[in-house]
Amino acid sequence: MSAAAYAWLFFRYARWLLWLAAIAYSIEFVVHRPRHLDMFGHLYLTTEFWMFMLPLAAVFAGFFE
């Protein structure tokens, strides 16, 4: 198998794993909502970061695929 085929497989698996991670994190947010909110009801920056970056990384992996 050529290097291009390995790169394609890597980005294909990365894309699906990132989408699954984004869905899993969203489910975890729904189940444990109070752990992701501060005393004013705002999202913590780490929660906001992961909820934004996981789907974005999946889209970019799809572009590289």
N, C-alpha and C. Protein backbone atom coordinates (compact mmCIF):
# COMPACT_ATOMS: atom_id res chain seq x y z
N MET A 1 0.85 -1.18 0.00
CA MET A 1 0.00 0.00 0.00
C MET A 1 0.90 1.24 0.00
N SER A 2 0.48 2.27 -0.70
CA SER A 2 1.30 3.47 -0.83
C SER A 2 1.11 4.39 0.38
N ALA A 3 1.98 5.38 0.46
CA ALA A 3 1.91 6.35 1.55
C ALA A 3 0.62 7.18 1.48
N ALA A 4 0.17 7.44 0.26
CA ALA A 4 -1.08 8.20 0.11
C ALA A 4 -2.27 7.42 0.65
N ALA A 5 -2.25 6.11 0.44
CA ALA A 5 -3.35 5.29 0.96
C ALA A 5 -3.34 5.26 2.48
N TYR A 6 -2.14 5.21 3.08
CA TYR A 6 -2.06 5.25 4.54
C TYR A 6 -2.52 6.60 5.08
N ALA A 7 -2.17 7.68 4.40
CA ALA A 7 -2.61 9.01 4.83
C ALA A 7 -4.13 9.12 4.73
N TRP A 8 -4.70 8.58 3.64
CA TRP A 8 -6.14 8.62 3.48
C TRP A 8 -6.84 7.84 4.58
N LEU A 9 -6.33 6.64 4.90
CA LEU A 9 -6.92 5.84 5.98
C LEU A 9 -6.80 6.54 7.32
N PHE A 10 -5.65 7.16 7.58
CA PHE A 10 -5.47 7.88 8.84
C PHE A 10 -6.51 8.99 9.00
N PHE A 11 -6.68 9.82 7.98
CA PHE A 11 -7.63 10.92 8.09
C PHE A 11 -9.07 10.43 8.09
N ARG A 12 -9.32 9.31 7.43
CA ARG A 12 -10.67 8.74 7.47
C ARG A 12 -11.02 8.26 8.87
N TYR A 13 -10.12 7.52 9.51
CA TYR A 13 -10.36 7.08 10.90
C TYR A 13 -10.39 8.26 11.85
N ALA A 14 -9.52 9.23 11.64
CA ALA A 14 -9.50 10.41 12.51
C ALA A 14 -10.82 11.17 12.43
N ARG A 15 -11.35 11.30 11.23
CA ARG A 15 -12.62 12.03 11.06
C ARG A 15 -13.74 11.34 11.83
N TRP A 16 -13.87 10.02 11.69
CA TRP A 16 -14.94 9.31 12.37
C TRP A 16 -14.74 9.29 13.88
N LEU A 17 -13.51 9.14 14.32
CA LEU A 17 -13.26 9.15 15.76
C LEU A 17 -13.52 10.52 16.37
N LEU A 18 -13.19 11.57 15.65
CA LEU A 18 -13.47 12.92 16.16
C LEU A 18 -14.98 13.19 16.22
N TRP A 19 -15.73 12.71 15.23
CA TRP A 19 -17.18 12.88 15.29
C TRP A 19 -17.77 12.10 16.46
N LEU A 20 -17.28 10.88 16.67
CA LEU A 20 -17.76 10.10 17.81
C LEU A 20 -17.40 10.76 19.14
N ALA A 21 -16.21 11.35 19.22
CA ALA A 21 -15.80 12.06 20.43
C ALA A 21 -16.69 13.28 20.67
N ALA A 22 -17.04 14.00 19.61
CA ALA A 22 -17.91 15.18 19.74
C ALA A 22 -19.30 14.76 20.23
N ILE A 23 -19.83 13.68 19.69
CA ILE A 23 -21.14 13.20 20.12
C ILE A 23 -21.08 12.72 21.57
N ALA A 24 -20.03 12.00 21.91
CA ALA A 24 -19.88 11.51 23.30
C ALA A 24 -19.76 12.67 24.28
N TYR A 25 -19.02 13.71 23.90
CA TYR A 25 -18.88 14.86 24.80
C TYR A 25 -20.20 15.61 24.95
N SER A 26 -20.96 15.69 23.88
CA SER A 26 -22.28 16.34 23.97
C SER A 26 -23.22 15.56 24.87
N ILE A 27 -23.19 14.24 24.77
CA ILE A 27 -24.02 13.41 25.65
C ILE A 27 -23.57 13.58 27.10
N GLU A 28 -22.26 13.62 27.32
CA GLU A 28 -21.74 13.82 28.68
C GLU A 28 -22.17 15.18 29.22
N PHE A 29 -22.23 16.19 28.36
CA PHE A 29 -22.68 17.51 28.78
C PHE A 29 -24.15 17.48 29.20
N VAL A 30 -24.98 16.79 28.44
CA VAL A 30 -26.40 16.71 28.76
C VAL A 30 -26.61 15.96 30.08
N VAL A 31 -25.84 14.91 30.29
CA VAL A 31 -26.00 14.10 31.50
C VAL A 31 -25.50 14.83 32.73
N HIS A 32 -24.37 15.53 32.61
CA HIS A 32 -23.74 16.21 33.76
C HIS A 32 -23.66 17.72 33.54
N ARG A 33 -24.78 18.32 33.21
CA ARG A 33 -24.81 19.75 32.89
C ARG A 33 -24.26 20.65 34.00
N PRO A 34 -24.61 20.44 35.27
CA PRO A 34 -24.10 21.37 36.30
C PRO A 34 -22.58 21.40 36.42
N ARG A 35 -21.91 20.33 36.06
CA ARG A 35 -20.45 20.32 36.14
C ARG A 35 -19.80 21.18 35.07
N HIS A 36 -20.56 21.61 34.07
CA HIS A 36 -20.00 22.40 32.97
C HIS A 36 -20.42 23.87 33.03
N LEU A 37 -21.16 24.25 34.05
CA LEU A 37 -21.65 25.62 34.16
C LEU A 37 -21.10 26.27 35.42
N ASP A 38 -20.81 27.59 35.32
CA ASP A 38 -20.37 28.30 36.52
C ASP A 38 -21.59 28.78 37.30
N MET A 39 -21.35 29.57 38.33
CA MET A 39 -22.46 29.98 39.21
C MET A 39 -23.44 30.92 38.52
N PHE A 40 -23.07 31.50 37.37
CA PHE A 40 -23.97 32.38 36.63
C PHE A 40 -24.67 31.66 35.48
N GLY A 41 -24.41 30.38 35.33
CA GLY A 41 -25.04 29.60 34.27
C GLY A 41 -24.31 29.67 32.95
N HIS A 42 -23.06 30.18 32.95
CA HIS A 42 -22.27 30.24 31.73
C HIS A 42 -21.39 29.01 31.61
N LEU A 43 -21.10 28.63 30.36
CA LEU A 43 -20.21 27.50 30.13
C LEU A 43 -18.80 27.82 30.57
N TYR A 44 -18.12 26.82 31.13
CA TYR A 44 -16.69 26.97 31.38
C TYR A 44 -15.98 27.05 30.05
N LEU A 45 -14.83 27.73 30.02
CA LEU A 45 -14.09 27.88 28.77
C LEU A 45 -13.62 26.53 28.22
N THR A 46 -13.27 25.61 29.11
CA THR A 46 -12.82 24.30 28.63
C THR A 46 -13.97 23.55 27.95
N THR A 47 -15.15 23.64 28.52
CA THR A 47 -16.31 22.99 27.91
C THR A 47 -16.62 23.61 26.55
N GLU A 48 -16.60 24.93 26.50
CA GLU A 48 -16.86 25.63 25.25
C GLU A 48 -15.80 25.28 24.20
N PHE A 49 -14.54 25.19 24.64
CA PHE A 49 -13.45 24.85 23.73
C PHE A 49 -13.67 23.48 23.11
N TRP A 50 -13.93 22.45 23.93
CA TRP A 50 -14.08 21.09 23.41
C TRP A 50 -15.35 20.94 22.58
N MET A 51 -16.43 21.63 22.95
CA MET A 51 -17.67 21.53 22.18
C MET A 51 -17.53 22.20 20.82
N PHE A 52 -16.60 23.15 20.68
CA PHE A 52 -16.37 23.81 19.41
C PHE A 52 -15.28 23.12 18.60
N MET A 53 -14.20 22.71 19.27
CA MET A 53 -13.02 22.21 18.55
C MET A 53 -13.16 20.77 18.05
N LEU A 54 -13.86 19.90 18.76
CA LEU A 54 -13.99 18.52 18.28
C LEU A 54 -14.72 18.44 16.94
N PRO A 55 -15.88 19.09 16.77
CA PRO A 55 -16.50 19.05 15.43
C PRO A 55 -15.68 19.78 14.37
N LEU A 56 -15.02 20.87 14.76
CA LEU A 56 -14.19 21.59 13.81
C LEU A 56 -13.02 20.75 13.34
N ALA A 57 -12.39 20.03 14.26
CA ALA A 57 -11.29 19.13 13.90
C ALA A 57 -11.79 18.00 13.00
N ALA A 58 -13.00 17.52 13.24
CA ALA A 58 -13.56 16.47 12.39
C ALA A 58 -13.79 16.98 10.97
N VAL A 59 -14.25 18.20 10.84
CA VAL A 59 -14.47 18.77 9.52
C VAL A 59 -13.13 18.94 8.80
N PHE A 60 -12.11 19.43 9.49
CA PHE A 60 -10.81 19.59 8.86
C PHE A 60 -10.19 18.25 8.49
N ALA A 61 -10.39 17.22 9.31
CA ALA A 61 -9.92 15.90 8.94
C ALA A 61 -10.62 15.42 7.68
N GLY A 62 -11.90 15.75 7.55
CA GLY A 62 -12.62 15.42 6.32
C GLY A 62 -12.08 16.16 5.11
N PHE A 63 -11.67 17.42 5.32
CA PHE A 63 -11.06 18.17 4.21
C PHE A 63 -9.74 17.54 3.78
N PHE A 64 -8.93 17.11 4.74
CA PHE A 64 -7.64 16.51 4.41
C PHE A 64 -7.81 15.11 3.83
N GLU A 65 -8.90 14.48 4.15
CA GLU A 65 -9.15 13.14 3.62
C GLU A 65 -9.27 13.22 2.11
